[in-house]
Each structure stands twice: as C-alpha cells, then as structure tokens.
Protein backbone atom coordinates (compact mmCIF):
# COMPACT_ATOMS: atom_id res chain seq x y z
CA MET A 1 12.76 -43.03 -73.78
CA GLY A 2 14.48 -45.56 -71.64
CA ASP A 3 16.69 -44.88 -68.68
CA PHE A 4 20.22 -44.25 -69.90
CA PHE A 5 22.57 -43.99 -66.88
CA GLY A 6 20.00 -41.82 -65.13
CA ILE A 7 20.28 -39.04 -67.73
CA PHE A 8 17.13 -39.78 -69.70
CA GLY A 9 13.98 -41.19 -68.29
CA ASP A 10 11.43 -40.36 -65.69
CA ASP A 11 11.97 -37.06 -63.86
CA ASP A 12 11.01 -38.79 -60.60
CA LYS A 13 13.89 -41.21 -61.01
CA LYS A 14 16.20 -38.30 -61.82
CA LYS A 15 15.22 -36.61 -58.53
CA ASP A 16 15.96 -39.82 -56.67
CA ILE A 17 19.39 -39.94 -58.24
CA GLU A 18 20.09 -36.33 -57.19
CA LYS A 19 19.06 -37.12 -53.65
CA THR A 20 21.24 -40.20 -53.42
CA VAL A 21 24.40 -38.77 -54.93
CA ASP A 22 27.23 -39.88 -52.70
CA THR A 23 30.41 -37.83 -52.50
CA ALA A 24 32.31 -40.90 -53.64
CA ASP A 25 30.25 -41.14 -56.89
CA THR A 26 31.49 -39.44 -60.00
CA VAL A 27 28.87 -37.29 -61.77
CA GLU A 28 28.92 -34.52 -64.33
CA ASP A 29 26.50 -32.25 -62.42
CA GLY A 30 25.48 -32.58 -58.79
CA LYS A 31 23.53 -30.73 -56.20
CA LEU A 32 24.51 -30.57 -52.53
CA ARG A 33 21.77 -29.27 -50.28
CA LEU A 34 23.01 -27.53 -47.14
CA LYS A 35 20.96 -27.53 -43.99
CA GLU A 36 21.20 -25.89 -40.60
CA GLU A 37 19.33 -26.03 -37.37
CA GLU A 38 17.26 -23.12 -36.13
CA LEU A 39 15.88 -22.61 -32.67
CA ASP A 40 12.15 -23.01 -32.15
CA VAL A 41 11.01 -20.99 -29.15
CA ALA A 42 7.82 -21.94 -27.34
CA LYS A 43 6.60 -20.20 -24.22
CA ASN A 44 4.38 -21.89 -21.65
CA ARG A 45 2.68 -20.15 -18.76
CA VAL A 46 3.26 -22.06 -15.52
CA GLN A 47 2.13 -21.21 -12.03
CA THR A 48 5.07 -20.20 -9.86
CA GLY A 49 3.11 -19.69 -6.66
CA ASP A 50 0.27 -17.66 -5.27
CA VAL A 51 -0.37 -14.78 -2.91
CA THR A 52 -3.02 -14.86 -0.21
CA LEU A 53 -4.18 -11.58 1.24
CA ARG A 54 -5.91 -11.97 4.58
CA LYS A 55 -6.59 -10.19 7.85
CA GLU A 56 -5.17 -11.14 11.20
CA ILE A 57 -6.35 -9.88 14.57
CA VAL A 58 -3.58 -8.47 16.74
CA GLU A 59 -4.17 -7.35 20.31
CA GLU A 60 -2.30 -4.56 21.98
CA GLN A 61 -2.57 -2.78 25.29
CA LYS A 62 -3.52 0.90 25.17
CA THR A 63 -3.09 3.25 28.09
CA ILE A 64 -4.88 6.58 28.15
CA ASP A 65 -5.14 9.19 30.88
CA VAL A 66 -8.68 10.23 31.75
CA PRO A 67 -9.17 13.09 34.25
CA VAL A 68 -11.84 12.14 36.82
CA THR A 69 -13.09 13.97 39.88
CA HIS A 70 -14.21 12.75 43.26
CA GLU A 71 -15.38 14.42 46.40
CA GLU A 72 -13.68 14.25 49.76
CA VAL A 73 -15.12 15.05 53.14
CA ILE A 74 -12.95 17.16 55.34
CA ILE A 75 -13.54 16.86 59.05
CA GLU A 76 -12.28 19.68 61.25
CA ARG A 77 -12.37 19.97 64.98
CA ARG A 78 -12.52 23.35 66.59
CA ALA A 79 -12.27 24.14 70.20
CA ILE A 80 -15.08 26.18 71.58
CA ASN A 81 -14.82 28.01 74.84
CA LYS A 82 -17.34 25.93 76.76
CA GLU A 83 -20.49 27.69 75.73
CA PRO A 84 -23.64 26.62 77.53
CA SER A 85 -26.21 24.46 75.61
CA ASP A 86 -29.93 23.97 76.17
CA SER A 87 -29.98 20.56 74.38
CA PRO A 88 -29.62 17.35 76.28
CA ILE A 89 -26.90 14.85 75.37
CA THR A 90 -28.27 12.22 72.99
CA ASN A 91 -27.10 10.07 70.10
CA GLU A 92 -30.03 10.98 67.85
CA GLU A 93 -28.43 13.87 66.05
CA THR A 94 -26.82 12.76 62.76
CA ILE A 95 -25.48 14.60 59.75
CA ARG A 96 -25.46 12.83 56.43
CA ILE A 97 -23.15 14.10 53.65
CA PRO A 98 -23.42 12.35 50.26
CA VAL A 99 -20.05 11.83 48.56
CA SER A 100 -19.67 11.16 44.81
CA GLU A 101 -17.00 10.45 42.28
CA GLU A 102 -16.72 10.06 38.48
CA GLN A 103 -16.40 6.51 37.28
CA VAL A 104 -14.86 5.60 33.91
CA ASP A 105 -16.90 3.41 31.57
CA ILE A 106 -14.94 1.92 28.67
CA GLY A 107 -16.70 1.26 25.39
CA LYS A 108 -15.28 0.24 22.05
CA HIS A 109 -16.22 1.06 18.50
CA THR A 110 -14.73 0.03 15.15
CA VAL A 111 -13.31 2.47 12.61
CA VAL A 112 -11.80 1.93 9.17
CA THR A 113 -8.15 3.03 9.15
CA GLY A 114 -7.07 2.07 5.64
CA GLU A 115 -7.28 -0.49 2.89
CA VAL A 116 -4.92 -2.85 1.12
CA ILE A 117 -5.28 -3.41 -2.61
CA ALA A 118 -3.75 -6.42 -4.36
CA ARG A 119 -3.50 -6.69 -8.13
CA LYS A 120 -1.33 -8.39 -10.73
CA ARG A 121 0.65 -6.85 -13.54
CA GLU A 122 2.60 -8.37 -16.38
CA VAL A 123 6.25 -7.43 -16.70
CA GLU A 124 8.16 -8.27 -19.84
CA GLU A 125 11.83 -9.08 -19.64
CA ASN A 126 14.42 -10.53 -21.98
CA ARG A 127 16.12 -13.75 -21.06
CA HIS A 128 19.45 -14.66 -22.60
CA ILE A 129 19.10 -18.20 -23.95
CA GLU A 130 22.10 -20.10 -25.25
CA GLU A 131 21.77 -23.32 -27.22
CA THR A 132 24.08 -25.13 -29.63
CA VAL A 133 22.77 -25.54 -33.17
CA LYS A 134 24.27 -27.35 -36.13
CA LYS A 135 24.51 -26.28 -39.74
CA GLU A 136 26.00 -27.71 -42.85
CA GLU A 137 28.60 -25.78 -44.81
CA ALA A 138 30.06 -26.67 -48.19
CA ARG A 139 33.75 -27.51 -48.30
CA ILE A 140 35.74 -27.98 -51.48
CA ASP A 141 38.55 -30.50 -51.43
CA LYS A 142 40.95 -30.34 -54.37
CA ASN A 143 42.92 -33.23 -55.68
CA GLY A 144 45.51 -32.11 -58.18
CA ASP A 145 45.15 -28.63 -59.71
CA PRO A 146 41.55 -28.29 -60.98
CA ASN A 147 40.29 -24.86 -62.05
CA ILE A 148 37.30 -23.96 -59.86
CA ILE A 149 34.99 -21.02 -60.65
CA SER A 150 32.54 -20.06 -57.89
CA ASP A 151 29.86 -17.37 -57.54
CA ASP A 152 30.03 -17.59 -53.74
CA THR A 153 30.25 -14.03 -52.41
CA THR A 154 29.68 -14.94 -48.78
CA GLY A 155 32.99 -16.70 -48.32
CA GLY A 156 31.22 -19.86 -47.25
CA PHE A 157 33.49 -22.19 -49.22
CA ARG A 158 36.72 -23.32 -47.72
C-alpha cells in the first residue's frame, strides 16, 4: 500500500517519522526517547616515582680502652760503709737488663649486623570523584484544560 501521511507504508519510513517527530508537529501518537549521561570509569596505572635501596659507607671514630703492661727499671742507690774491695777500678763491668712492653696491634674484620628488605604492596582506597552529567526528563506542558492520564509512578513528569 502506498504511503498515506506516514500511517501506511514501509515500516522503515515509519521509524524515520518517529525519530524526526518535532515537538511543534501535531501527531496522534508519538514517542519521546529520554536519555541521560552515565560516567565511564577507566583506570590507568602510571609510574609515580621509584625507590632506590643502596648502601653508603659512613666512617666514625671509635675509642676503646685496652689494658697494656710495660716494664720499668728502678735504680736505687744505697750507701755502703766503705767496705774494702779486691777488684781494681775498671769500666768493663756492665749489667744489661732487658725491658719490654705490650704493643697494641689493630686489625679489622667485617660482620653482618642486619639486613634491609624492600618490597611493594598494593593498597586499595576509594577516591571521591565528582562529575556533572546530563539527563533528559519528560515535561508536560498543558495548554487549556486537557485530561491527561499517566502511568508514571516515579514522579518524573512535571
């Protein structure tokens, strides 16, 4: 059948008419599709920095007390009451007394005193994101006193 004011004819043409209904056009039946924006959330992993764990050599002075011994020679003079001697006076008589002391030798050795462990962990947190979105709502404008019957239970019509 031919197209008769868009009522009869190809269904494809009828869909086109429904899509292009303008609020200023007068029609018996019409369909108004309401749309709204929703937020699409995408997460991307980005590098925020890095951590380098390394060793550094630090020098410090240590002082320790080490007890050491040494020998001393004590020389005493005593008066003797002029005893007679059979030996002649000479410079060939010598007494040798060895003297010793403890010397400190310092050596070093390395010991392990601890360890440092570095690892990563993932921590989940919630971030409060605010963004403005748009949505379409149906509004009914009355001209005169038309009787309107609606099955809207959400209170979306104003």
